[in-house]
Amino acid sequence: MRWWKILGLAGMAGVAATGVAIARAERRRRAYTPEEIRLRLRERAEGQPEGRKS
């Protein structure tokens, strides 16, 4: 039964680490101002080949 406990603790640690990574990415995403987002979208659109504009 001891290995079940170890497996469970490892699973819980993995879930916690995933949550931290998701929260960090979300914080980074929300840190952009609307003007920065517009600028990035324009840069991305300008970098696409002519036939691929959507």
PDB file of N, CA and C in Angstrom:
ATOM      1  N   MET A   1       0.821  -1.206   0.000  1.00  0.00           N
ATOM      2  CA  MET A   1       0.000   0.000   0.000  1.00  0.00           C
ATOM      3  C   MET A   1       0.859   1.261   0.000  1.00  0.00           C
ATOM      4  N   ARG A   2       2.090   1.176   0.459  1.00  0.00           N
ATOM      5  CA  ARG A   2       2.934   2.368   0.553  1.00  0.00           C
ATOM      6  C   ARG A   2       3.173   3.004  -0.823  1.00  0.00           C
ATOM      7  N   TRP A   3       3.331   2.188  -1.855  1.00  0.00           N
ATOM      8  CA  TRP A   3       3.599   2.747  -3.171  1.00  0.00           C
ATOM      9  C   TRP A   3       2.398   3.494  -3.720  1.00  0.00           C
ATOM     10  N   TRP A   4       1.178   3.151  -3.268  1.00  0.00           N
ATOM     11  CA  TRP A   4      -0.007   3.911  -3.662  1.00  0.00           C
ATOM     12  C   TRP A   4       0.063   5.337  -3.113  1.00  0.00           C
ATOM     13  N   LYS A   5       0.548   5.455  -1.895  1.00  0.00           N
ATOM     14  CA  LYS A   5       0.688   6.782  -1.285  1.00  0.00           C
ATOM     15  C   LYS A   5       1.706   7.615  -2.047  1.00  0.00           C
ATOM     16  N   ILE A   6       2.818   6.996  -2.402  1.00  0.00           N
ATOM     17  CA  ILE A   6       3.864   7.708  -3.153  1.00  0.00           C
ATOM     18  C   ILE A   6       3.335   8.128  -4.520  1.00  0.00           C
ATOM     19  N   LEU A   7       2.626   7.232  -5.166  1.00  0.00           N
ATOM     20  CA  LEU A   7       2.037   7.537  -6.467  1.00  0.00           C
ATOM     21  C   LEU A   7       1.018   8.674  -6.348  1.00  0.00           C
ATOM     22  N   GLY A   8       0.221   8.651  -5.321  1.00  0.00           N
ATOM     23  CA  GLY A   8      -0.766   9.709  -5.102  1.00  0.00           C
ATOM     24  C   GLY A   8      -0.115  11.053  -4.840  1.00  0.00           C
ATOM     25  N   LEU A   9       0.938  11.064  -4.020  1.00  0.00           N
ATOM     26  CA  LEU A   9       1.653  12.317  -3.742  1.00  0.00           C
ATOM     27  C   LEU A   9       2.312  12.860  -5.009  1.00  0.00           C
ATOM     28  N   ALA A  10       2.872  11.979  -5.816  1.00  0.00           N
ATOM     29  CA  ALA A  10       3.497  12.409  -7.071  1.00  0.00           C
ATOM     30  C   ALA A  10       2.438  12.997  -8.013  1.00  0.00           C
ATOM     31  N   GLY A  11       1.279  12.388  -8.053  1.00  0.00           N
ATOM     32  CA  GLY A  11       0.193  12.914  -8.877  1.00  0.00           C
ATOM     33  C   GLY A  11      -0.267  14.278  -8.414  1.00  0.00           C
ATOM     34  N   MET A  12      -0.390  14.454  -7.104  1.00  0.00           N
ATOM     35  CA  MET A  12      -0.801  15.743  -6.556  1.00  0.00           C
ATOM     36  C   MET A  12       0.241  16.816  -6.860  1.00  0.00           C
ATOM     37  N   ALA A  13       1.516  16.460  -6.769  1.00  0.00           N
ATOM     38  CA  ALA A  13       2.584  17.412  -7.078  1.00  0.00           C
ATOM     39  C   ALA A  13       2.527  17.799  -8.561  1.00  0.00           C
ATOM     40  N   GLY A  14       2.228  16.844  -9.420  1.00  0.00           N
ATOM     41  CA  GLY A  14       2.103  17.143 -10.847  1.00  0.00           C
ATOM     42  C   GLY A  14       0.948  18.073 -11.138  1.00  0.00           C
ATOM     43  N   VAL A  15      -0.171  17.860 -10.492  1.00  0.00           N
ATOM     44  CA  VAL A  15      -1.337  18.725 -10.674  1.00  0.00           C
ATOM     45  C   VAL A  15      -1.020  20.140 -10.185  1.00  0.00           C
ATOM     46  N   ALA A  16      -0.362  20.253  -9.054  1.00  0.00           N
ATOM     47  CA  ALA A  16      -0.004  21.571  -8.523  1.00  0.00           C
ATOM     48  C   ALA A  16       0.962  22.288  -9.458  1.00  0.00           C
ATOM     49  N   ALA A  17       1.949  21.577  -9.986  1.00  0.00           N
ATOM     50  CA  ALA A  17       2.913  22.190 -10.900  1.00  0.00           C
ATOM     51  C   ALA A  17       2.227  22.654 -12.178  1.00  0.00           C
ATOM     52  N   THR A  18       1.280  21.881 -12.672  1.00  0.00           N
ATOM     53  CA  THR A  18       0.540  22.275 -13.870  1.00  0.00           C
ATOM     54  C   THR A  18      -0.283  23.529 -13.604  1.00  0.00           C
ATOM     55  N   GLY A  19      -0.906  23.594 -12.453  1.00  0.00           N
ATOM     56  CA  GLY A  19      -1.687  24.776 -12.088  1.00  0.00           C
ATOM     57  C   GLY A  19      -0.830  26.025 -12.006  1.00  0.00           C
ATOM     58  N   VAL A  20       0.364  25.892 -11.467  1.00  0.00           N
ATOM     59  CA  VAL A  20       1.283  27.024 -11.378  1.00  0.00           C
ATOM     60  C   VAL A  20       1.678  27.492 -12.772  1.00  0.00           C
ATOM     61  N   ALA A  21       1.975  26.556 -13.653  1.00  0.00           N
ATOM     62  CA  ALA A  21       2.377  26.913 -15.021  1.00  0.00           C
ATOM     63  C   ALA A  21       1.235  27.610 -15.761  1.00  0.00           C
ATOM     64  N   ILE A  22       0.022  27.135 -15.586  1.00  0.00           N
ATOM     65  CA  ILE A  22      -1.139  27.752 -16.250  1.00  0.00           C
ATOM     66  C   ILE A  22      -1.374  29.151 -15.700  1.00  0.00           C
ATOM     67  N   ALA A  23      -1.289  29.325 -14.392  1.00  0.00           N
ATOM     68  CA  ALA A  23      -1.502  30.638 -13.782  1.00  0.00           C
ATOM     69  C   ALA A  23      -0.441  31.629 -14.251  1.00  0.00           C
ATOM     70  N   ARG A  24       0.789  31.190 -14.352  1.00  0.00           N
ATOM     71  CA  ARG A  24       1.870  32.064 -14.800  1.00  0.00           C
ATOM     72  C   ARG A  24       1.636  32.502 -16.251  1.00  0.00           C
ATOM     73  N   ALA A  25       1.235  31.573 -17.114  1.00  0.00           N
ATOM     74  CA  ALA A  25       0.975  31.915 -18.515  1.00  0.00           C
ATOM     75  C   ALA A  25      -0.213  32.869 -18.623  1.00  0.00           C
ATOM     76  N   GLU A  26      -1.225  32.661 -17.826  1.00  0.00           N
ATOM     77  CA  GLU A  26      -2.399  33.535 -17.853  1.00  0.00           C
ATOM     78  C   GLU A  26      -2.038  34.947 -17.406  1.00  0.00           C
ATOM     79  N   ARG A  27      -1.231  35.048 -16.370  1.00  0.00           N
ATOM     80  CA  ARG A  27      -0.790  36.363 -15.893  1.00  0.00           C
ATOM     81  C   ARG A  27       0.010  37.085 -16.969  1.00  0.00           C
ATOM     82  N   ARG A  28       0.883  36.365 -17.644  1.00  0.00           N
ATOM     83  CA  ARG A  28       1.697  36.947 -18.705  1.00  0.00           C
ATOM     84  C   ARG A  28       0.800  37.410 -19.857  1.00  0.00           C
ATOM     85  N   ARG A  29      -0.225  36.620 -20.189  1.00  0.00           N
ATOM     86  CA  ARG A  29      -1.129  36.967 -21.285  1.00  0.00           C
ATOM     87  C   ARG A  29      -1.948  38.213 -20.945  1.00  0.00           C
ATOM     88  N   ARG A  30      -2.410  38.309 -19.735  1.00  0.00           N
ATOM     89  CA  ARG A  30      -3.242  39.447 -19.331  1.00  0.00           C
ATOM     90  C   ARG A  30      -2.450  40.728 -19.108  1.00  0.00           C
ATOM     91  N   ALA A  31      -1.133  40.651 -19.089  1.00  0.00           N
ATOM     92  CA  ALA A  31      -0.302  41.822 -18.839  1.00  0.00           C
ATOM     93  C   ALA A  31      -0.216  42.735 -20.054  1.00  0.00           C
ATOM     94  N   TYR A  32      -0.643  42.280 -21.245  1.00  0.00           N
ATOM     95  CA  TYR A  32      -0.579  43.104 -22.437  1.00  0.00           C
ATOM     96  C   TYR A  32      -1.663  44.169 -22.418  1.00  0.00           C
ATOM     97  N   THR A  33      -1.300  45.364 -22.873  1.00  0.00           N
ATOM     98  CA  THR A  33      -2.296  46.414 -23.030  1.00  0.00           C
ATOM     99  C   THR A  33      -3.002  46.191 -24.366  1.00  0.00           C
ATOM    100  N   PRO A  34      -4.178  46.762 -24.544  1.00  0.00           N
ATOM    101  CA  PRO A  34      -4.872  46.605 -25.825  1.00  0.00           C
ATOM    102  C   PRO A  34      -4.027  47.093 -27.012  1.00  0.00           C
ATOM    103  N   GLU A  35      -3.273  48.166 -26.818  1.00  0.00           N
ATOM    104  CA  GLU A  35      -2.434  48.676 -27.904  1.00  0.00           C
ATOM    105  C   GLU A  35      -1.328  47.684 -28.262  1.00  0.00           C
ATOM    106  N   GLU A  36      -0.742  47.032 -27.263  1.00  0.00           N
ATOM    107  CA  GLU A  36       0.282  46.024 -27.538  1.00  0.00           C
ATOM    108  C   GLU A  36      -0.296  44.837 -28.316  1.00  0.00           C
ATOM    109  N   ILE A  37      -1.510  44.462 -27.987  1.00  0.00           N
ATOM    110  CA  ILE A  37      -2.154  43.352 -28.688  1.00  0.00           C
ATOM    111  C   ILE A  37      -2.410  43.735 -30.140  1.00  0.00           C
ATOM    112  N   ARG A  38      -2.918  44.956 -30.379  1.00  0.00           N
ATOM    113  CA  ARG A  38      -3.150  45.411 -31.747  1.00  0.00           C
ATOM    114  C   ARG A  38      -1.853  45.431 -32.542  1.00  0.00           C
ATOM    115  N   LEU A  39      -0.789  45.934 -31.943  1.00  0.00           N
ATOM    116  CA  LEU A  39       0.509  46.004 -32.608  1.00  0.00           C
ATOM    117  C   LEU A  39       1.005  44.608 -32.977  1.00  0.00           C
ATOM    118  N   ARG A  40       0.897  43.660 -32.062  1.00  0.00           N
ATOM    119  CA  ARG A  40       1.333  42.283 -32.337  1.00  0.00           C
ATOM    120  C   ARG A  40       0.511  41.646 -33.457  1.00  0.00           C
ATOM    121  N   LEU A  41      -0.799  41.885 -33.463  1.00  0.00           N
ATOM    122  CA  LEU A  41      -1.642  41.338 -34.514  1.00  0.00           C
ATOM    123  C   LEU A  41      -1.293  41.932 -35.869  1.00  0.00           C
ATOM    124  N   ARG A  42      -1.038  43.235 -35.908  1.00  0.00           N
ATOM    125  CA  ARG A  42      -0.652  43.871 -37.174  1.00  0.00           C
ATOM    126  C   ARG A  42       0.675  43.321 -37.673  1.00  0.00           C
ATOM    127  N   GLU A  43       1.641  43.154 -36.769  1.00  0.00           N
ATOM    128  CA  GLU A  43       2.943  42.598 -37.159  1.00  0.00           C
ATOM    129  C   GLU A  43       2.785  41.185 -37.701  1.00  0.00           C
ATOM    130  N   ARG A  44       1.952  40.398 -37.065  1.00  0.00           N
ATOM    131  CA  ARG A  44       1.732  39.019 -37.512  1.00  0.00           C
ATOM    132  C   ARG A  44       1.066  38.999 -38.891  1.00  0.00           C
ATOM    133  N   ALA A  45       0.089  39.888 -39.105  1.00  0.00           N
ATOM    134  CA  ALA A  45      -0.613  39.939 -40.390  1.00  0.00           C
ATOM    135  C   ALA A  45       0.326  40.403 -41.501  1.00  0.00           C
ATOM    136  N   GLU A  46       1.216  41.345 -41.205  1.00  0.00           N
ATOM    137  CA  GLU A  46       2.156  41.837 -42.217  1.00  0.00           C
ATOM    138  C   GLU A  46       3.181  40.757 -42.584  1.00  0.00           C
ATOM    139  N   GLY A  47       3.479  39.865 -41.686  1.00  0.00           N
ATOM    140  CA  GLY A  47       4.469  38.840 -41.926  1.00  0.00           C
ATOM    141  C   GLY A  47       3.960  37.646 -42.735  1.00  0.00           C
ATOM    142  N   GLN A  48       2.646  37.583 -42.965  1.00  0.00           N
ATOM    143  CA  GLN A  48       2.079  36.452 -43.706  1.00  0.00           C
ATOM    144  C   GLN A  48       2.243  36.667 -45.210  1.00  0.00           C
ATOM    145  N   PRO A  49       2.407  35.575 -45.950  1.00  0.00           N
ATOM    146  CA  PRO A  49       2.451  35.691 -47.414  1.00  0.00           C
ATOM    147  C   PRO A  49       1.121  36.228 -47.956  1.00  0.00           C
ATOM    148  N   GLU A  50       1.145  36.800 -49.147  1.00  0.00           N
ATOM    149  CA  GLU A  50      -0.051  37.423 -49.737  1.00  0.00           C
ATOM    150  C   GLU A  50      -1.242  36.483 -49.842  1.00  0.00           C
ATOM    151  N   GLY A  51      -1.027  35.249 -50.224  1.00  0.00           N
ATOM    152  CA  GLY A  51      -2.129  34.315 -50.430  1.00  0.00           C
ATOM    153  C   GLY A  51      -2.765  33.812 -49.144  1.00  0.00           C
ATOM    154  N   ARG A  52      -2.158  34.083 -48.004  1.00  0.00           N
ATOM    155  CA  ARG A  52      -2.640  33.500 -46.747  1.00  0.00           C
ATOM    156  C   ARG A  52      -3.329  34.509 -45.847  1.00  0.00           C
ATOM    157  N   LYS A  53      -3.595  35.695 -46.291  1.00  0.00           N
ATOM    158  CA  LYS A  53      -4.273  36.686 -45.436  1.00  0.00           C
ATOM    159  C   LYS A  53      -5.703  36.232 -45.178  1.00  0.00           C
ATOM    160  N   SER A  54      -6.136  36.347 -43.939  1.00  0.00           N
ATOM    161  CA  SER A  54      -7.492  35.919 -43.637  1.00  0.00           C
ATOM    162  C   SER A  54      -8.284  37.047 -43.017  1.00  0.00           C
TER     163      SER A  54
END
